[in-house]
């Protein structure tokens, strides 16, 4: 995560499609990533979580902190880099 933040890649989507199990340590790691990203002005989204993973995230109330989307494409919509909109006129 530190390398991504150093490279100013602070909008992150975790594609969870291949994840079938997440214990408390894994959920804790996800929350730590969120904390680091938020400290750097970024954000984290989760995409394509298997039903059991999504259940665990809801049970631990992580879904309140991190938006969960059915697909990576849906998670990516409207999720631009923090400075991409700077300088644009509407």
N, C-alpha and C. Protein backbone atom coordinates (compact mmCIF):
# COMPACT_ATOMS: atom_id res chain seq x y z
N UNK A 1 0.82 -1.19 0.00
CA UNK A 1 0.00 0.00 0.00
C UNK A 1 0.87 1.25 0.00
N UNK A 2 1.98 1.21 0.75
CA UNK A 2 2.85 2.38 0.81
C UNK A 2 3.38 2.75 -0.57
N UNK A 3 3.74 1.73 -1.37
CA UNK A 3 4.24 1.98 -2.72
C UNK A 3 3.20 2.64 -3.61
N UNK A 4 1.97 2.20 -3.48
CA UNK A 4 0.90 2.80 -4.27
C UNK A 4 0.67 4.25 -3.86
N UNK A 5 0.69 4.49 -2.58
CA UNK A 5 0.49 5.86 -2.09
C UNK A 5 1.64 6.74 -2.54
N UNK A 6 2.86 6.23 -2.48
CA UNK A 6 4.03 7.00 -2.92
C UNK A 6 3.92 7.34 -4.40
N UNK A 7 3.30 6.45 -5.18
CA UNK A 7 3.11 6.68 -6.62
C UNK A 7 1.83 7.47 -6.90
N UNK A 8 1.21 7.97 -5.83
CA UNK A 8 -0.02 8.76 -5.91
C UNK A 8 -1.20 7.97 -6.51
N UNK A 9 -1.19 6.69 -6.30
CA UNK A 9 -2.31 5.84 -6.69
C UNK A 9 -3.13 5.60 -5.43
N UNK A 10 -4.02 6.55 -5.16
CA UNK A 10 -4.75 6.51 -3.89
C UNK A 10 -6.22 6.17 -4.04
N UNK A 11 -6.65 5.86 -5.23
CA UNK A 11 -8.01 5.36 -5.46
C UNK A 11 -7.86 3.89 -5.82
N UNK A 12 -8.24 3.02 -4.89
CA UNK A 12 -7.96 1.60 -5.02
C UNK A 12 -9.26 0.80 -5.00
N UNK A 13 -9.31 -0.20 -5.87
CA UNK A 13 -10.43 -1.15 -5.89
C UNK A 13 -9.87 -2.53 -5.62
N UNK A 14 -10.37 -3.17 -4.58
CA UNK A 14 -9.98 -4.56 -4.31
C UNK A 14 -10.96 -5.45 -5.06
N UNK A 15 -10.46 -6.17 -6.07
CA UNK A 15 -11.26 -7.13 -6.82
C UNK A 15 -11.23 -8.44 -6.04
N UNK A 16 -12.34 -8.77 -5.41
CA UNK A 16 -12.41 -9.92 -4.52
C UNK A 16 -13.00 -11.17 -5.18
N UNK A 17 -13.10 -11.15 -6.51
CA UNK A 17 -13.76 -12.25 -7.23
C UNK A 17 -13.16 -13.61 -6.92
N UNK A 18 -11.86 -13.70 -6.74
CA UNK A 18 -11.22 -14.99 -6.49
C UNK A 18 -11.05 -15.34 -5.03
N UNK A 19 -11.55 -14.49 -4.15
CA UNK A 19 -11.38 -14.72 -2.71
C UNK A 19 -12.57 -15.50 -2.18
N UNK A 20 -12.30 -16.64 -1.56
CA UNK A 20 -13.38 -17.49 -1.06
C UNK A 20 -13.48 -17.48 0.46
N UNK A 21 -12.44 -16.97 1.14
CA UNK A 21 -12.45 -16.95 2.60
C UNK A 21 -11.68 -15.73 3.09
N UNK A 22 -12.21 -15.06 4.09
CA UNK A 22 -11.51 -13.93 4.71
C UNK A 22 -11.70 -14.02 6.22
N UNK A 23 -10.62 -14.28 6.93
CA UNK A 23 -10.71 -14.34 8.38
C UNK A 23 -10.55 -12.94 8.97
N UNK A 24 -10.54 -12.86 10.28
CA UNK A 24 -10.47 -11.55 10.93
C UNK A 24 -9.17 -10.83 10.60
N UNK A 25 -8.09 -11.55 10.39
CA UNK A 25 -6.82 -10.91 10.03
C UNK A 25 -6.92 -10.25 8.66
N UNK A 26 -7.57 -10.92 7.72
CA UNK A 26 -7.74 -10.36 6.38
C UNK A 26 -8.62 -9.12 6.42
N UNK A 27 -9.69 -9.18 7.18
CA UNK A 27 -10.58 -8.02 7.30
C UNK A 27 -9.85 -6.87 7.98
N UNK A 28 -9.03 -7.18 8.97
CA UNK A 28 -8.22 -6.16 9.62
C UNK A 28 -7.25 -5.51 8.64
N UNK A 29 -6.66 -6.31 7.75
CA UNK A 29 -5.73 -5.79 6.75
C UNK A 29 -6.44 -4.86 5.78
N UNK A 30 -7.65 -5.21 5.41
CA UNK A 30 -8.44 -4.35 4.52
C UNK A 30 -8.70 -3.00 5.19
N UNK A 31 -9.07 -3.04 6.45
CA UNK A 31 -9.35 -1.79 7.18
C UNK A 31 -8.07 -0.96 7.33
N UNK A 32 -6.94 -1.62 7.56
CA UNK A 32 -5.67 -0.87 7.65
C UNK A 32 -5.34 -0.21 6.31
N UNK A 33 -5.60 -0.89 5.20
CA UNK A 33 -5.39 -0.29 3.88
C UNK A 33 -6.29 0.93 3.71
N UNK A 34 -7.53 0.81 4.12
CA UNK A 34 -8.45 1.95 4.04
C UNK A 34 -7.91 3.13 4.85
N UNK A 35 -7.44 2.87 6.05
CA UNK A 35 -6.93 3.93 6.92
C UNK A 35 -5.75 4.64 6.26
N UNK A 36 -4.83 3.88 5.69
CA UNK A 36 -3.67 4.46 5.02
C UNK A 36 -4.08 5.29 3.81
N UNK A 37 -5.02 4.76 3.04
CA UNK A 37 -5.48 5.48 1.85
C UNK A 37 -6.19 6.77 2.24
N UNK A 38 -7.05 6.72 3.25
CA UNK A 38 -7.75 7.92 3.69
C UNK A 38 -6.78 8.97 4.20
N UNK A 39 -5.74 8.54 4.91
CA UNK A 39 -4.72 9.47 5.40
C UNK A 39 -4.01 10.19 4.26
N UNK A 40 -3.94 9.52 3.11
CA UNK A 40 -3.29 10.10 1.93
C UNK A 40 -4.29 10.81 1.03
N UNK A 41 -5.53 10.97 1.50
CA UNK A 41 -6.55 11.64 0.71
C UNK A 41 -7.21 10.74 -0.32
N UNK A 42 -7.03 9.44 -0.17
CA UNK A 42 -7.57 8.48 -1.13
C UNK A 42 -8.81 7.78 -0.62
N UNK A 43 -9.14 6.69 -1.31
CA UNK A 43 -10.32 5.92 -0.95
C UNK A 43 -10.16 4.48 -1.43
N UNK A 44 -10.98 3.61 -0.87
CA UNK A 44 -10.95 2.18 -1.19
C UNK A 44 -12.37 1.72 -1.49
N UNK A 45 -12.48 0.90 -2.51
CA UNK A 45 -13.75 0.24 -2.84
C UNK A 45 -13.49 -1.25 -2.99
N UNK A 46 -14.51 -2.04 -2.73
CA UNK A 46 -14.43 -3.50 -2.89
C UNK A 46 -15.38 -3.90 -4.00
N UNK A 47 -14.91 -4.81 -4.87
CA UNK A 47 -15.74 -5.26 -5.99
C UNK A 47 -15.77 -6.79 -6.05
N UNK A 48 -16.88 -7.30 -6.52
CA UNK A 48 -17.06 -8.72 -6.86
C UNK A 48 -16.82 -9.67 -5.69
N UNK A 49 -17.22 -9.27 -4.51
CA UNK A 49 -17.04 -10.14 -3.34
C UNK A 49 -18.00 -11.32 -3.42
N UNK A 50 -17.47 -12.50 -3.14
CA UNK A 50 -18.30 -13.70 -3.08
C UNK A 50 -19.31 -13.52 -1.94
N UNK A 51 -20.45 -14.21 -1.99
CA UNK A 51 -21.48 -14.02 -0.96
C UNK A 51 -20.97 -14.18 0.47
N UNK A 52 -20.11 -15.15 0.72
CA UNK A 52 -19.61 -15.37 2.08
C UNK A 52 -18.68 -14.22 2.51
N UNK A 53 -17.91 -13.68 1.59
CA UNK A 53 -17.03 -12.55 1.90
C UNK A 53 -17.89 -11.31 2.19
N UNK A 54 -18.87 -11.08 1.33
CA UNK A 54 -19.74 -9.92 1.55
C UNK A 54 -20.48 -10.04 2.89
N UNK A 55 -20.91 -11.24 3.23
CA UNK A 55 -21.56 -11.47 4.51
C UNK A 55 -20.61 -11.11 5.67
N UNK A 56 -19.36 -11.55 5.57
CA UNK A 56 -18.37 -11.25 6.62
C UNK A 56 -18.13 -9.75 6.74
N UNK A 57 -18.07 -9.06 5.59
CA UNK A 57 -17.86 -7.61 5.61
C UNK A 57 -19.05 -6.89 6.24
N UNK A 58 -20.25 -7.40 5.99
CA UNK A 58 -21.44 -6.80 6.59
C UNK A 58 -21.53 -7.14 8.08
N UNK A 59 -21.19 -8.35 8.43
CA UNK A 59 -21.23 -8.79 9.82
C UNK A 59 -20.28 -7.96 10.68
N UNK A 60 -19.12 -7.63 10.14
CA UNK A 60 -18.12 -6.84 10.86
C UNK A 60 -18.32 -5.34 10.65
N UNK A 61 -19.35 -4.98 9.90
CA UNK A 61 -19.73 -3.60 9.61
C UNK A 61 -18.70 -2.83 8.78
N UNK A 62 -17.83 -3.56 8.12
CA UNK A 62 -16.85 -2.93 7.23
C UNK A 62 -17.58 -2.31 6.03
N UNK A 63 -18.73 -2.85 5.69
CA UNK A 63 -19.49 -2.31 4.55
C UNK A 63 -19.95 -0.87 4.80
N UNK A 64 -19.95 -0.44 6.05
CA UNK A 64 -20.29 0.94 6.38
C UNK A 64 -19.13 1.87 6.04
N UNK A 65 -17.91 1.34 6.15
CA UNK A 65 -16.70 2.11 5.89
C UNK A 65 -16.28 2.09 4.42
N UNK A 66 -16.51 0.96 3.76
CA UNK A 66 -16.04 0.75 2.40
C UNK A 66 -17.22 0.37 1.52
N UNK A 67 -17.36 1.09 0.41
CA UNK A 67 -18.43 0.76 -0.53
C UNK A 67 -18.12 -0.57 -1.22
N UNK A 68 -19.16 -1.38 -1.38
CA UNK A 68 -19.03 -2.69 -2.02
C UNK A 68 -19.87 -2.67 -3.29
N UNK A 69 -19.27 -3.13 -4.40
CA UNK A 69 -19.93 -3.11 -5.70
C UNK A 69 -19.94 -4.52 -6.29
N UNK A 70 -20.95 -4.83 -7.11
CA UNK A 70 -21.04 -6.16 -7.71
C UNK A 70 -19.91 -6.46 -8.70
N UNK A 71 -19.40 -5.43 -9.39
CA UNK A 71 -18.35 -5.64 -10.39
C UNK A 71 -17.28 -4.55 -10.27
N UNK A 72 -16.12 -4.84 -10.84
CA UNK A 72 -15.04 -3.85 -10.86
C UNK A 72 -15.45 -2.64 -11.69
N UNK A 73 -16.12 -2.88 -12.82
CA UNK A 73 -16.56 -1.76 -13.66
C UNK A 73 -17.49 -0.82 -12.90
N UNK A 74 -18.41 -1.37 -12.14
CA UNK A 74 -19.31 -0.53 -11.36
C UNK A 74 -18.55 0.22 -10.26
N UNK A 75 -17.57 -0.42 -9.67
CA UNK A 75 -16.77 0.24 -8.63
C UNK A 75 -15.95 1.37 -9.23
N UNK A 76 -15.51 1.22 -10.45
CA UNK A 76 -14.65 2.21 -11.09
C UNK A 76 -15.41 3.45 -11.57
N UNK A 77 -16.71 3.31 -11.81
CA UNK A 77 -17.48 4.45 -12.30
C UNK A 77 -17.45 5.60 -11.30
N UNK A 78 -17.05 6.76 -11.77
CA UNK A 78 -17.02 7.94 -10.92
C UNK A 78 -15.94 7.92 -9.86
N UNK A 79 -14.96 7.06 -10.03
CA UNK A 79 -13.90 6.89 -9.03
C UNK A 79 -12.58 7.39 -9.62
N UNK A 80 -12.51 8.69 -9.85
CA UNK A 80 -11.33 9.27 -10.50
C UNK A 80 -10.27 9.64 -9.48
N UNK A 81 -9.08 9.90 -9.98
CA UNK A 81 -7.98 10.33 -9.12
C UNK A 81 -8.34 11.68 -8.52
N UNK A 82 -7.84 12.00 -7.33
CA UNK A 82 -8.23 13.22 -6.64
C UNK A 82 -7.98 14.50 -7.42
N UNK A 83 -6.94 14.53 -8.25
CA UNK A 83 -6.63 15.77 -8.96
C UNK A 83 -7.09 15.78 -10.41
N UNK A 84 -7.79 14.74 -10.86
CA UNK A 84 -8.26 14.70 -12.24
C UNK A 84 -9.28 15.78 -12.55
N UNK A 85 -10.08 16.14 -11.57
CA UNK A 85 -11.12 17.14 -11.83
C UNK A 85 -10.60 18.56 -11.59
N UNK A 86 -9.43 18.69 -11.03
CA UNK A 86 -8.87 20.02 -10.77
C UNK A 86 -8.61 20.73 -12.10
N UNK A 87 -9.00 21.96 -12.17
CA UNK A 87 -8.77 22.74 -13.36
C UNK A 87 -9.84 22.61 -14.43
N UNK A 88 -10.75 21.67 -14.25
CA UNK A 88 -11.83 21.53 -15.22
C UNK A 88 -12.90 22.57 -14.95
N UNK A 89 -13.47 23.09 -16.01
CA UNK A 89 -14.57 24.02 -15.85
C UNK A 89 -15.86 23.29 -16.18
N UNK A 90 -16.88 23.60 -15.42
CA UNK A 90 -18.19 22.95 -15.63
C UNK A 90 -19.11 23.91 -16.33
